[in-house]
Amino acid sequence: MAETGLRATQYAILNLLATRGPTNMAVLADLLSMDRATMGHNLRPLERDGLVIIQIGREDRREREVVLSSVGVNIEARSKPSWLKAQASFEKEFGKQDALAMRRMMARVTQLELDPEEAIS
């Protein structure tokens, strides 16, 4: 992804916005298994560079909705081949079945409801 100028996380955000449309920050953070503060940290450079627009939510004015700008649409489209190449490289390295198994396992891990008290013990 280096040639695109985007980190993988930034591309993932742009791709989600391209496929889902405007999405509030909390939902976006949940979809990418991040807390809201981390999502805000990841969005700042994208907003600064004009790739996304963060605005007051249409349905709930307390929420912040993230919208892909026209520049963001172009960057996401130009970066997609690099993303697909990275995914193909990952599958080549680990094999299609193992890569799929790892993705499924990570999806399960992100869905775990861990008790912070148990983690300390």
PDB file of N, CA and C in Angstrom:
ATOM      1  N   MET A   1       0.817  -1.209   0.000  1.00  0.00           N
ATOM      2  CA  MET A   1       0.000   0.000   0.000  1.00  0.00           C
ATOM      3  C   MET A   1       0.860   1.273   0.000  1.00  0.00           C
ATOM      4  N   ALA A   2       2.176   1.124   0.166  1.00  0.00           N
ATOM      5  CA  ALA A   2       3.041   2.301   0.279  1.00  0.00           C
ATOM      6  C   ALA A   2       2.901   3.237  -0.920  1.00  0.00           C
ATOM      7  N   GLU A   3       2.765   2.679  -2.113  1.00  0.00           N
ATOM      8  CA  GLU A   3       2.697   3.535  -3.305  1.00  0.00           C
ATOM      9  C   GLU A   3       1.424   4.380  -3.350  1.00  0.00           C
ATOM     10  N   THR A   4       0.416   4.032  -2.564  1.00  0.00           N
ATOM     11  CA  THR A   4      -0.832   4.789  -2.557  1.00  0.00           C
ATOM     12  C   THR A   4      -0.770   5.987  -1.623  1.00  0.00           C
ATOM     13  N   GLY A   5       0.179   5.956  -0.681  1.00  0.00           N
ATOM     14  CA  GLY A   5       0.245   7.013   0.315  1.00  0.00           C
ATOM     15  C   GLY A   5      -0.715   6.793   1.471  1.00  0.00           C
ATOM     16  N   LEU A   6      -1.429   5.677   1.450  1.00  0.00           N
ATOM     17  CA  LEU A   6      -2.381   5.365   2.513  1.00  0.00           C
ATOM     18  C   LEU A   6      -1.885   4.191   3.345  1.00  0.00           C
ATOM     19  N   ARG A   7      -2.175   4.229   4.626  1.00  0.00           N
ATOM     20  CA  ARG A   7      -1.955   3.053   5.461  1.00  0.00           C
ATOM     21  C   ARG A   7      -3.149   2.117   5.243  1.00  0.00           C
ATOM     22  N   ALA A   8      -2.965   0.866   5.579  1.00  0.00           N
ATOM     23  CA  ALA A   8      -4.033  -0.126   5.391  1.00  0.00           C
ATOM     24  C   ALA A   8      -5.304   0.291   6.128  1.00  0.00           C
ATOM     25  N   THR A   9      -5.159   0.817   7.333  1.00  0.00           N
ATOM     26  CA  THR A   9      -6.327   1.252   8.108  1.00  0.00           C
ATOM     27  C   THR A   9      -7.056   2.391   7.407  1.00  0.00           C
ATOM     28  N   GLN A  10      -6.292   3.321   6.845  1.00  0.00           N
ATOM     29  CA  GLN A  10      -6.912   4.436   6.135  1.00  0.00           C
ATOM     30  C   GLN A  10      -7.667   3.937   4.908  1.00  0.00           C
ATOM     31  N   TYR A  11      -7.052   3.006   4.175  1.00  0.00           N
ATOM     32  CA  TYR A  11      -7.755   2.461   3.012  1.00  0.00           C
ATOM     33  C   TYR A  11      -9.026   1.740   3.451  1.00  0.00           C
ATOM     34  N   ALA A  12      -8.951   0.978   4.537  1.00  0.00           N
ATOM     35  CA  ALA A  12     -10.126   0.249   5.026  1.00  0.00           C
ATOM     36  C   ALA A  12     -11.266   1.213   5.340  1.00  0.00           C
ATOM     37  N   ILE A  13     -10.947   2.354   5.930  1.00  0.00           N
ATOM     38  CA  ILE A  13     -11.971   3.364   6.225  1.00  0.00           C
ATOM     39  C   ILE A  13     -12.576   3.889   4.931  1.00  0.00           C
ATOM     40  N   LEU A  14     -11.726   4.270   3.980  1.00  0.00           N
ATOM     41  CA  LEU A  14     -12.223   4.798   2.708  1.00  0.00           C
ATOM     42  C   LEU A  14     -13.077   3.760   1.986  1.00  0.00           C
ATOM     43  N   ASN A  15     -12.635   2.507   2.004  1.00  0.00           N
ATOM     44  CA  ASN A  15     -13.370   1.445   1.330  1.00  0.00           C
ATOM     45  C   ASN A  15     -14.742   1.222   1.970  1.00  0.00           C
ATOM     46  N   LEU A  16     -14.788   1.229   3.300  1.00  0.00           N
ATOM     47  CA  LEU A  16     -16.085   1.075   3.971  1.00  0.00           C
ATOM     48  C   LEU A  16     -17.030   2.207   3.608  1.00  0.00           C
ATOM     49  N   LEU A  17     -16.501   3.428   3.588  1.00  0.00           N
ATOM     50  CA  LEU A  17     -17.348   4.573   3.223  1.00  0.00           C
ATOM     51  C   LEU A  17     -17.792   4.488   1.764  1.00  0.00           C
ATOM     52  N   ALA A  18     -16.917   3.987   0.894  1.00  0.00           N
ATOM     53  CA  ALA A  18     -17.266   3.855  -0.526  1.00  0.00           C
ATOM     54  C   ALA A  18     -18.369   2.818  -0.718  1.00  0.00           C
ATOM     55  N   THR A  19     -18.337   1.752   0.079  1.00  0.00           N
ATOM     56  CA  THR A  19     -19.332   0.693  -0.104  1.00  0.00           C
ATOM     57  C   THR A  19     -20.612   0.930   0.702  1.00  0.00           C
ATOM     58  N   ARG A  20     -20.502   1.565   1.861  1.00  0.00           N
ATOM     59  CA  ARG A  20     -21.660   1.765   2.734  1.00  0.00           C
ATOM     60  C   ARG A  20     -22.297   3.137   2.613  1.00  0.00           C
ATOM     61  N   GLY A  21     -21.545   4.106   2.124  1.00  0.00           N
ATOM     62  CA  GLY A  21     -22.043   5.474   2.112  1.00  0.00           C
ATOM     63  C   GLY A  21     -21.760   6.142   3.449  1.00  0.00           C
ATOM     64  N   PRO A  22     -22.322   7.345   3.662  1.00  0.00           N
ATOM     65  CA  PRO A  22     -22.087   8.067   4.912  1.00  0.00           C
ATOM     66  C   PRO A  22     -22.412   7.194   6.130  1.00  0.00           C
ATOM     67  N   THR A  23     -21.498   7.216   7.094  1.00  0.00           N
ATOM     68  CA  THR A  23     -21.616   6.350   8.266  1.00  0.00           C
ATOM     69  C   THR A  23     -21.177   7.139   9.485  1.00  0.00           C
ATOM     70  N   ASN A  24     -21.886   6.962  10.616  1.00  0.00           N
ATOM     71  CA  ASN A  24     -21.447   7.704  11.796  1.00  0.00           C
ATOM     72  C   ASN A  24     -20.188   7.083  12.379  1.00  0.00           C
ATOM     73  N   MET A  25     -19.453   7.886  13.129  1.00  0.00           N
ATOM     74  CA  MET A  25     -18.146   7.472  13.645  1.00  0.00           C
ATOM     75  C   MET A  25     -18.239   6.228  14.524  1.00  0.00           C
ATOM     76  N   ALA A  26     -19.280   6.132  15.330  1.00  0.00           N
ATOM     77  CA  ALA A  26     -19.411   4.984  16.229  1.00  0.00           C
ATOM     78  C   ALA A  26     -19.586   3.690  15.441  1.00  0.00           C
ATOM     79  N   VAL A  27     -20.399   3.704  14.410  1.00  0.00           N
ATOM     80  CA  VAL A  27     -20.614   2.513  13.578  1.00  0.00           C
ATOM     81  C   VAL A  27     -19.332   2.166  12.833  1.00  0.00           C
ATOM     82  N   LEU A  28     -18.674   3.171  12.290  1.00  0.00           N
ATOM     83  CA  LEU A  28     -17.424   2.953  11.561  1.00  0.00           C
ATOM     84  C   LEU A  28     -16.377   2.323  12.490  1.00  0.00           C
ATOM     85  N   ALA A  29     -16.272   2.849  13.695  1.00  0.00           N
ATOM     86  CA  ALA A  29     -15.325   2.296  14.675  1.00  0.00           C
ATOM     87  C   ALA A  29     -15.669   0.843  14.985  1.00  0.00           C
ATOM     88  N   ASP A  30     -16.944   0.564  15.162  1.00  0.00           N
ATOM     89  CA  ASP A  30     -17.374  -0.802  15.464  1.00  0.00           C
ATOM     90  C   ASP A  30     -17.057  -1.748  14.311  1.00  0.00           C
ATOM     91  N   LEU A  31     -17.317  -1.319  13.090  1.00  0.00           N
ATOM     92  CA  LEU A  31     -17.054  -2.157  11.919  1.00  0.00           C
ATOM     93  C   LEU A  31     -15.574  -2.502  11.773  1.00  0.00           C
ATOM     94  N   LEU A  32     -14.710  -1.604  12.232  1.00  0.00           N
ATOM     95  CA  LEU A  32     -13.275  -1.835  12.118  1.00  0.00           C
ATOM     96  C   LEU A  32     -12.650  -2.256  13.446  1.00  0.00           C
ATOM     97  N   SER A  33     -13.495  -2.600  14.400  1.00  0.00           N
ATOM     98  CA  SER A  33     -13.041  -3.081  15.722  1.00  0.00           C
ATOM     99  C   SER A  33     -12.078  -2.111  16.391  1.00  0.00           C
ATOM    100  N   MET A  34     -12.476  -0.841  16.420  1.00  0.00           N
ATOM    101  CA  MET A  34     -11.687   0.206  17.071  1.00  0.00           C
ATOM    102  C   MET A  34     -12.575   0.900  18.089  1.00  0.00           C
ATOM    103  N   ASP A  35     -11.938   1.553  19.048  1.00  0.00           N
ATOM    104  CA  ASP A  35     -12.745   2.417  19.900  1.00  0.00           C
ATOM    105  C   ASP A  35     -12.913   3.749  19.175  1.00  0.00           C
ATOM    106  N   ARG A  36     -13.829   4.554  19.667  1.00  0.00           N
ATOM    107  CA  ARG A  36     -14.172   5.791  18.972  1.00  0.00           C
ATOM    108  C   ARG A  36     -12.993   6.773  18.926  1.00  0.00           C
ATOM    109  N   ALA A  37     -12.192   6.813  20.006  1.00  0.00           N
ATOM    110  CA  ALA A  37     -11.041   7.720  20.039  1.00  0.00           C
ATOM    111  C   ALA A  37     -10.018   7.332  18.971  1.00  0.00           C
ATOM    112  N   THR A  38      -9.786   6.040  18.810  1.00  0.00           N
ATOM    113  CA  THR A  38      -8.845   5.569  17.789  1.00  0.00           C
ATOM    114  C   THR A  38      -9.380   5.898  16.402  1.00  0.00           C
ATOM    115  N   MET A  39     -10.689   5.737  16.210  1.00  0.00           N
ATOM    116  CA  MET A  39     -11.277   6.093  14.921  1.00  0.00           C
ATOM    117  C   MET A  39     -11.071   7.576  14.648  1.00  0.00           C
ATOM    118  N   GLY A  40     -11.301   8.411  15.640  1.00  0.00           N
ATOM    119  CA  GLY A  40     -11.087   9.850  15.467  1.00  0.00           C
ATOM    120  C   GLY A  40      -9.647  10.163  15.089  1.00  0.00           C
ATOM    121  N   HIS A  41      -8.719   9.484  15.737  1.00  0.00           N
ATOM    122  CA  HIS A  41      -7.285   9.654  15.436  1.00  0.00           C
ATOM    123  C   HIS A  41      -6.983   9.260  13.987  1.00  0.00           C
ATOM    124  N   ASN A  42      -7.608   8.186  13.510  1.00  0.00           N
ATOM    125  CA  ASN A  42      -7.388   7.727  12.131  1.00  0.00           C
ATOM    126  C   ASN A  42      -8.070   8.627  11.103  1.00  0.00           C
ATOM    127  N   LEU A  43      -9.157   9.273  11.506  1.00  0.00           N
ATOM    128  CA  LEU A  43      -9.885  10.125  10.568  1.00  0.00           C
ATOM    129  C   LEU A  43      -9.255  11.503  10.382  1.00  0.00           C
ATOM    130  N   ARG A  44      -8.552  11.995  11.404  1.00  0.00           N
ATOM    131  CA  ARG A  44      -7.995  13.352  11.321  1.00  0.00           C
ATOM    132  C   ARG A  44      -7.158  13.598  10.066  1.00  0.00           C
ATOM    133  N   PRO A  45      -6.170  12.729   9.760  1.00  0.00           N
ATOM    134  CA  PRO A  45      -5.389  12.996   8.540  1.00  0.00           C
ATOM    135  C   PRO A  45      -6.221  12.865   7.266  1.00  0.00           C
ATOM    136  N   LEU A  46      -7.211  11.987   7.270  1.00  0.00           N
ATOM    137  CA  LEU A  46      -8.067  11.840   6.087  1.00  0.00           C
ATOM    138  C   LEU A  46      -8.914  13.095   5.890  1.00  0.00           C
ATOM    139  N   GLU A  47      -9.384  13.663   6.987  1.00  0.00           N
ATOM    140  CA  GLU A  47     -10.154  14.906   6.903  1.00  0.00           C
ATOM    141  C   GLU A  47      -9.235  16.061   6.486  1.00  0.00           C
ATOM    142  N   ARG A  48      -8.059  16.139   7.098  1.00  0.00           N
ATOM    143  CA  ARG A  48      -7.088  17.193   6.782  1.00  0.00           C
ATOM    144  C   ARG A  48      -6.730  17.194   5.296  1.00  0.00           C
ATOM    145  N   ASP A  49      -6.586  15.986   4.723  1.00  0.00           N
ATOM    146  CA  ASP A  49      -6.203  15.857   3.325  1.00  0.00           C
ATOM    147  C   ASP A  49      -7.390  15.932   2.363  1.00  0.00           C
ATOM    148  N   GLY A  50      -8.577  16.163   2.913  1.00  0.00           N
ATOM    149  CA  GLY A  50      -9.761  16.336   2.072  1.00  0.00           C
ATOM    150  C   GLY A  50     -10.359  15.057   1.530  1.00  0.00           C
ATOM    151  N   LEU A  51     -10.026  13.903   2.129  1.00  0.00           N
ATOM    152  CA  LEU A  51     -10.557  12.627   1.644  1.00  0.00           C
ATOM    153  C   LEU A  51     -11.906  12.299   2.256  1.00  0.00           C
ATOM    154  N   VAL A  52     -12.145  12.786   3.469  1.00  0.00           N
ATOM    155  CA  VAL A  52     -13.437  12.591   4.127  1.00  0.00           C
ATOM    156  C   VAL A  52     -13.908  13.922   4.679  1.00  0.00           C
ATOM    157  N   ILE A  53     -15.196  13.986   4.887  1.00  0.00           N
ATOM    158  CA  ILE A  53     -15.820  15.151   5.510  1.00  0.00           C
ATOM    159  C   ILE A  53     -16.529  14.633   6.755  1.00  0.00           C
ATOM    160  N   ILE A  54     -16.277  15.277   7.887  1.00  0.00           N
ATOM    161  CA  ILE A  54     -16.949  14.904   9.127  1.00  0.00           C
ATOM    162  C   ILE A  54     -17.953  16.005   9.425  1.00  0.00           C
ATOM    163  N   GLN A  55     -19.209  15.590   9.540  1.00  0.00           N
ATOM    164  CA  GLN A  55     -20.279  16.565   9.724  1.00  0.00           C
ATOM    165  C   GLN A  55     -21.222  16.113  10.835  1.00  0.00           C
ATOM    166  N   ILE A  56     -22.065  17.007  11.243  1.00  0.00           N
ATOM    167  CA  ILE A  56     -23.075  16.683  12.250  1.00  0.00           C
ATOM    168  C   ILE A  56     -24.030  15.661  11.656  1.00  0.00           C
ATOM    169  N   GLY A  57     -24.387  14.655  12.461  1.00  0.00           N
ATOM    170  CA  GLY A  57     -25.279  13.594  11.993  1.00  0.00           C
ATOM    171  C   GLY A  57     -26.622  14.121  11.524  1.00  0.00           C
ATOM    172  N   ARG A  58     -27.141  13.509  10.483  1.00  0.00           N
ATOM    173  CA  ARG A  58     -28.438  13.925   9.936  1.00  0.00           C
ATOM    174  C   ARG A  58     -29.586  13.521  10.849  1.00  0.00           C
ATOM    175  N   GLU A  59     -29.485  12.341  11.461  1.00  0.00           N
ATOM    176  CA  GLU A  59     -30.565  11.850  12.315  1.00  0.00           C
ATOM    177  C   GLU A  59     -30.387  12.237  13.773  1.00  0.00           C
ATOM    178  N   ASP A  60     -29.152  12.339  14.222  1.00  0.00           N
ATOM    179  CA  ASP A  60     -28.857  12.680  15.604  1.00  0.00           C
ATOM    180  C   ASP A  60     -27.716  13.689  15.600  1.00  0.00           C
ATOM    181  N   ARG A  61     -28.021  14.914  15.994  1.00  0.00           N
ATOM    182  CA  ARG A  61     -27.042  15.994  15.920  1.00  0.00           C
ATOM    183  C   ARG A  61     -25.860  15.786  16.870  1.00  0.00           C
ATOM    184  N   ARG A  62     -25.978  14.853  17.821  1.00  0.00           N
ATOM    185  CA  ARG A  62     -24.862  14.551  18.729  1.00  0.00           C
ATOM    186  C   ARG A  62     -23.820  13.665  18.047  1.00  0.00           C
ATOM    187  N   GLU A  63     -24.237  12.970  17.011  1.00  0.00           N
ATOM    188  CA  GLU A  63     -23.331  12.067  16.302  1.00  0.00           C
ATOM    189  C   GLU A  63     -22.520  12.831  15.257  1.00  0.00           C
ATOM    190  N   ARG A  64     -21.406  12.237  14.875  1.00  0.00           N
ATOM    191  CA  ARG A  64     -20.602  12.764  13.786  1.00  0.00           C
ATOM    192  C   ARG A  64     -20.644  11.760  12.653  1.00  0.00           C
ATOM    193  N   GLU A  65     -21.077  12.246  11.504  1.00  0.00           N
ATOM    194  CA  GLU A  65     -21.200  11.397  10.326  1.00  0.00           C
ATOM    195  C   GLU A  65     -19.979  11.624   9.434  1.00  0.00           C
ATOM    196  N   VAL A  66     -19.454  10.538   8.907  1.00  0.00           N
ATOM    197  CA  VAL A  66     -18.274  10.608   8.043  1.00  0.00           C
ATOM    198  C   VAL A  66     -18.725  10.331   6.613  1.00  0.00           C
ATOM    199  N   VAL A  67     -18.342  11.222   5.722  1.00  0.00           N
ATOM    200  CA  VAL A  67     -18.730  11.139   4.316  1.00  0.00           C
ATOM    201  C   VAL A  67     -17.461  11.139   3.471  1.00  0.00           C
ATOM    202  N   LEU A  68     -17.421  10.299   2.478  1.00  0.00           N
ATOM    203  CA  LEU A  68     -16.303  10.257   1.544  1.00  0.00           C
ATOM    204  C   LEU A  68     -16.434  11.437   0.584  1.00  0.00           C
ATOM    205  N   SER A  69     -15.388  12.237   0.474  1.00  0.00           N
ATOM    206  CA  SER A  69     -15.403  13.372  -0.458  1.00  0.00           C
ATOM    207  C   SER A  69     -15.144  12.858  -1.877  1.00  0.00           C
ATOM    208  N   SER A  70     -15.287  13.736  -2.855  1.00  0.00           N
ATOM    209  CA  SER A  70     -14.999  13.324  -4.235  1.00  0.00           C
ATOM    210  C   SER A  70     -13.519  12.970  -4.388  1.00  0.00           C
ATOM    211  N   VAL A  71     -12.643  13.668  -3.683  1.00  0.00           N
ATOM    212  CA  VAL A  71     -11.216  13.326  -3.699  1.00  0.00           C
ATOM    213  C   VAL A  71     -11.022  11.937  -3.083  1.00  0.00           C
ATOM    214  N   GLY A  72     -11.733  11.675  -1.989  1.00  0.00           N
ATOM    215  CA  GLY A  72     -11.659  10.371  -1.328  1.00  0.00           C
ATOM    216  C   GLY A  72     -12.137   9.246  -2.224  1.00  0.00           C
ATOM    217  N   VAL A  73     -13.198   9.503  -2.985  1.00  0.00           N
ATOM    218  CA  VAL A  73     -13.718   8.502  -3.928  1.00  0.00           C
ATOM    219  C   VAL A  73     -12.626   8.142  -4.933  1.00  0.00           C
ATOM    220  N   ASN A  74     -11.950   9.162  -5.463  1.00  0.00           N
ATOM    221  CA  ASN A  74     -10.891   8.929  -6.455  1.00  0.00           C
ATOM    222  C   ASN A  74      -9.710   8.175  -5.856  1.00  0.00           C
ATOM    223  N   ILE A  75      -9.285   8.570  -4.655  1.00  0.00           N
ATOM    224  CA  ILE A  75      -8.144   7.907  -4.000  1.00  0.00           C
ATOM    225  C   ILE A  75      -8.494   6.458  -3.683  1.00  0.00           C
ATOM    226  N   GLU A  76      -9.699   6.216  -3.183  1.00  0.00           N
ATOM    227  CA  GLU A  76     -10.114   4.839  -2.870  1.00  0.00           C
ATOM    228  C   GLU A  76     -10.081   3.983  -4.129  1.00  0.00           C
ATOM    229  N   ALA A  77     -10.609   4.499  -5.221  1.00  0.00           N
ATOM    230  CA  ALA A  77     -10.640   3.749  -6.484  1.00  0.00           C
ATOM    231  C   ALA A  77      -9.224   3.490  -7.015  1.00  0.00           C
ATOM    232  N   ARG A  78      -8.351   4.487  -6.915  1.00  0.00           N
ATOM    233  CA  ARG A  78      -6.975   4.310  -7.388  1.00  0.00           C
ATOM    234  C   ARG A  78      -6.178   3.367  -6.488  1.00  0.00           C
ATOM    235  N   SER A  79      -6.547   3.289  -5.207  1.00  0.00           N
ATOM    236  CA  SER A  79      -5.825   2.448  -4.243  1.00  0.00           C
ATOM    237  C   SER A  79      -6.311   1.003  -4.237  1.00  0.00           C
ATOM    238  N   LYS A  80      -7.504   0.769  -4.758  1.00  0.00           N
ATOM    239  CA  LYS A  80      -8.088  -0.573  -4.711  1.00  0.00           C
ATOM    240  C   LYS A  80      -7.187  -1.642  -5.338  1.00  0.00           C
ATOM    241  N   PRO A  81      -6.576  -1.407  -6.494  1.00  0.00           N
ATOM    242  CA  PRO A  81      -5.684  -2.438  -7.056  1.00  0.00           C
ATOM    243  C   PRO A  81      -4.531  -2.806  -6.107  1.00  0.00           C
ATOM    244  N   SER A  82      -3.969  -1.817  -5.415  1.00  0.00           N
ATOM    245  CA  SER A  82      -2.897  -2.105  -4.456  1.00  0.00           C
ATOM    246  C   SER A  82      -3.418  -2.938  -3.292  1.00  0.00           C
ATOM    247  N   TRP A  83      -4.614  -2.623  -2.831  1.00  0.00           N
ATOM    248  CA  TRP A  83      -5.228  -3.382  -1.743  1.00  0.00           C
ATOM    249  C   TRP A  83      -5.469  -4.826  -2.176  1.00  0.00           C
ATOM    250  N   LEU A  84      -6.008  -4.994  -3.365  1.00  0.00           N
ATOM    251  CA  LEU A  84      -6.276  -6.343  -3.870  1.00  0.00           C
ATOM    252  C   LEU A  84      -4.974  -7.118  -4.076  1.00  0.00           C
ATOM    253  N   LYS A  85      -3.928  -6.415  -4.524  1.00  0.00           N
ATOM    254  CA  LYS A  85      -2.616  -7.045  -4.688  1.00  0.00           C
ATOM    255  C   LYS A  85      -2.073  -7.504  -3.327  1.00  0.00           C
ATOM    256  N   ALA A  86      -2.227  -6.678  -2.307  1.00  0.00           N
ATOM    257  CA  ALA A  86      -1.770  -7.045  -0.952  1.00  0.00           C
ATOM    258  C   ALA A  86      -2.551  -8.245  -0.430  1.00  0.00           C
ATOM    259  N   GLN A  87      -3.857  -8.276  -0.691  1.00  0.00           N
ATOM    260  CA  GLN A  87      -4.669  -9.406  -0.257  1.00  0.00           C
ATOM    261  C   GLN A  87      -4.253 -10.684  -0.986  1.00  0.00           C
ATOM    262  N   ALA A  88      -3.973 -10.569  -2.278  1.00  0.00           N
ATOM    263  CA  ALA A  88      -3.536 -11.733  -3.062  1.00  0.00           C
ATOM    264  C   ALA A  88      -2.183 -12.230  -2.560  1.00  0.00           C
ATOM    265  N   SER A  89      -1.297 -11.304  -2.212  1.00  0.00           N
ATOM    266  CA  SER A  89       0.015 -11.676  -1.680  1.00  0.00           C
ATOM    267  C   SER A  89      -0.128 -12.415  -0.351  1.00  0.00           C
ATOM    268  N   PHE A  90      -1.031 -11.925   0.486  1.00  0.00           N
ATOM    269  CA  PHE A  90      -1.307 -12.578   1.770  1.00  0.00           C
ATOM    270  C   PHE A  90      -1.807 -14.004   1.536  1.00  0.00           C
ATOM    271  N   GLU A  91      -2.743 -14.155   0.617  1.00  0.00           N
ATOM    272  CA  GLU A  91      -3.285 -15.488   0.309  1.00  0.00           C
ATOM    273  C   GLU A  91      -2.221 -16.393  -0.305  1.00  0.00           C
ATOM    274  N   LYS A  92      -1.345 -15.841  -1.131  1.00  0.00           N
ATOM    275  CA  LYS A  92      -0.281 -16.646  -1.730  1.00  0.00           C
ATOM    276  C   LYS A  92       0.671 -17.150  -0.651  1.00  0.00           C
ATOM    277  N   GLU A  93       0.985 -16.289   0.297  1.00  0.00           N
ATOM    278  CA  GLU A  93       1.914 -16.641   1.372  1.00  0.00           C
ATOM    279  C   GLU A  93       1.344 -17.709   2.300  1.00  0.00           C
ATOM    280  N   PHE A  94       0.077 -17.588   2.643  1.00  0.00           N
ATOM    281  CA  PHE A  94      -0.527 -18.480   3.624  1.00  0.00           C
ATOM    282  C   PHE A  94      -1.428 -19.552   3.020  1.00  0.00           C
ATOM    283  N   GLY A  95      -1.762 -19.406   1.760  1.00  0.00           N
ATOM    284  CA  GLY A  95      -2.715 -20.308   1.129  1.00  0.00           C
ATOM    285  C   GLY A  95      -4.123 -19.776   1.328  1.00  0.00           C
ATOM    286  N   LYS A  96      -4.961 -20.001   0.348  1.00  0.00           N
ATOM    287  CA  LYS A  96      -6.311 -19.438   0.366  1.00  0.00           C
ATOM    288  C   LYS A  96      -7.115 -19.901   1.589  1.00  0.00           C
ATOM    289  N   GLN A  97      -7.041 -21.201   1.890  1.00  0.00           N
ATOM    290  CA  GLN A  97      -7.808 -21.742   3.006  1.00  0.00           C
ATOM    291  C   GLN A  97      -7.326 -21.202   4.352  1.00  0.00           C
ATOM    292  N   ASP A  98      -5.994 -21.161   4.548  1.00  0.00           N
ATOM    293  CA  ASP A  98      -5.460 -20.637   5.808  1.00  0.00           C
ATOM    294  C   ASP A  98      -5.749 -19.141   5.953  1.00  0.00           C
ATOM    295  N   ALA A  99      -5.633 -18.406   4.855  1.00  0.00           N
ATOM    296  CA  ALA A  99      -5.933 -16.975   4.898  1.00  0.00           C
ATOM    297  C   ALA A  99      -7.387 -16.755   5.294  1.00  0.00           C
ATOM    298  N   LEU A 100      -8.286 -17.541   4.717  1.00  0.00           N
ATOM    299  CA  LEU A 100      -9.702 -17.444   5.063  1.00  0.00           C
ATOM    300  C   LEU A 100      -9.930 -17.821   6.521  1.00  0.00           C
ATOM    301  N   ALA A 101      -9.268 -18.878   6.974  1.00  0.00           N
ATOM    302  CA  ALA A 101      -9.401 -19.306   8.372  1.00  0.00           C
ATOM    303  C   ALA A 101      -8.911 -18.213   9.318  1.00  0.00           C
ATOM    304  N   MET A 102      -7.785 -17.566   8.977  1.00  0.00           N
ATOM    305  CA  MET A 102      -7.266 -16.481   9.820  1.00  0.00           C
ATOM    306  C   MET A 102      -8.235 -15.302   9.865  1.00  0.00           C
ATOM    307  N   ARG A 103      -8.796 -14.946   8.723  1.00  0.00           N
ATOM    308  CA  ARG A 103      -9.762 -13.839   8.692  1.00  0.00           C
ATOM    309  C   ARG A 103     -10.987 -14.165   9.538  1.00  0.00           C
ATOM    310  N   ARG A 104     -11.461 -15.396   9.437  1.00  0.00           N
ATOM    311  CA  ARG A 104     -12.620 -15.802  10.240  1.00  0.00           C
ATOM    312  C   ARG A 104     -12.288 -15.771  11.726  1.00  0.00           C
ATOM    313  N   MET A 105     -11.096 -16.254  12.087  1.00  0.00           N
ATOM    314  CA  MET A 105     -10.697 -16.263  13.489  1.00  0.00           C
ATOM    315  C   MET A 105     -10.590 -14.834  14.024  1.00  0.00           C
ATOM    316  N   MET A 106      -9.998 -13.941  13.246  1.00  0.00           N
ATOM    317  CA  MET A 106      -9.878 -12.558  13.688  1.00  0.00           C
ATOM    318  C   MET A 106     -11.249 -11.903  13.817  1.00  0.00           C
ATOM    319  N   ALA A 107     -12.170 -12.248  12.949  1.00  0.00           N
ATOM    320  CA  ALA A 107     -13.530 -11.714  13.070  1.00  0.00           C
ATOM    321  C   ALA A 107     -14.163 -12.177  14.377  1.00  0.00           C
ATOM    322  N   ARG A 108     -13.934 -13.429  14.732  1.00  0.00           N
ATOM    323  CA  ARG A 108     -14.463 -13.955  16.002  1.00  0.00           C
ATOM    324  C   ARG A 108     -13.807 -13.262  17.188  1.00  0.00           C
ATOM    325  N   VAL A 109     -12.502 -13.048  17.123  1.00  0.00           N
ATOM    326  CA  VAL A 109     -11.782 -12.390  18.215  1.00  0.00           C
ATOM    327  C   VAL A 109     -12.343 -10.991  18.442  1.00  0.00           C
ATOM    328  N   THR A 110     -12.614 -10.274  17.355  1.00  0.00           N
ATOM    329  CA  THR A 110     -13.112  -8.906  17.505  1.00  0.00           C
ATOM    330  C   THR A 110     -14.521  -8.859  18.082  1.00  0.00           C
ATOM    331  N   GLN A 111     -15.243  -9.962  18.028  1.00  0.00           N
ATOM    332  CA  GLN A 111     -16.601 -10.010  18.566  1.00  0.00           C
ATOM    333  C   GLN A 111     -16.655 -10.410  20.041  1.00  0.00           C
ATOM    334  N   LEU A 112     -15.505 -10.829  20.599  1.00  0.00           N
ATOM    335  CA  LEU A 112     -15.480 -11.264  21.998  1.00  0.00           C
ATOM    336  C   LEU A 112     -15.827 -10.116  22.931  1.00  0.00           C
ATOM    337  N   GLU A 113     -16.606 -10.433  23.928  1.00  0.00           N
ATOM    338  CA  GLU A 113     -16.936  -9.479  24.984  1.00  0.00           C
ATOM    339  C   GLU A 113     -16.077  -9.850  26.180  1.00  0.00           C
ATOM    340  N   LEU A 114     -14.912  -9.236  26.300  1.00  0.00           N
ATOM    341  CA  LEU A 114     -13.985  -9.569  27.369  1.00  0.00           C
ATOM    342  C   LEU A 114     -14.286  -8.729  28.608  1.00  0.00           C
ATOM    343  N   ASP A 115     -14.216  -9.364  29.760  1.00  0.00           N
ATOM    344  CA  ASP A 115     -14.395  -8.691  31.031  1.00  0.00           C
ATOM    345  C   ASP A 115     -13.038  -8.163  31.474  1.00  0.00           C
ATOM    346  N   PRO A 116     -12.874  -6.843  31.623  1.00  0.00           N
ATOM    347  CA  PRO A 116     -11.571  -6.276  31.995  1.00  0.00           C
ATOM    348  C   PRO A 116     -11.056  -6.830  33.327  1.00  0.00           C
ATOM    349  N   GLU A 117     -11.936  -7.163  34.242  1.00  0.00           N
ATOM    350  CA  GLU A 117     -11.523  -7.723  35.525  1.00  0.00           C
ATOM    351  C   GLU A 117     -10.871  -9.091  35.349  1.00  0.00           C
ATOM    352  N   GLU A 118     -11.391  -9.877  34.428  1.00  0.00           N
ATOM    353  CA  GLU A 118     -10.814 -11.199  34.172  1.00  0.00           C
ATOM    354  C   GLU A 118      -9.459 -11.080  33.489  1.00  0.00           C
ATOM    355  N   ALA A 119      -9.270 -10.061  32.688  1.00  0.00           N
ATOM    356  CA  ALA A 119      -8.001  -9.887  31.986  1.00  0.00           C
ATOM    357  C   ALA A 119      -6.869  -9.565  32.946  1.00  0.00           C
ATOM    358  N   ILE A 120      -7.181  -8.930  34.069  1.00  0.00           N
ATOM    359  CA  ILE A 120      -6.170  -8.563  35.039  1.00  0.00           C
ATOM    360  C   ILE A 120      -5.726  -9.787  35.824  1.00  0.00           C
ATOM    361  N   SER A 121      -6.626 -10.711  36.079  1.00  0.00           N
ATOM    362  CA  SER A 121      -6.333 -11.890  36.906  1.00  0.00           C
ATOM    363  C   SER A 121      -5.317 -12.803  36.281  1.00  0.00           C
TER     364      SER A 121
END
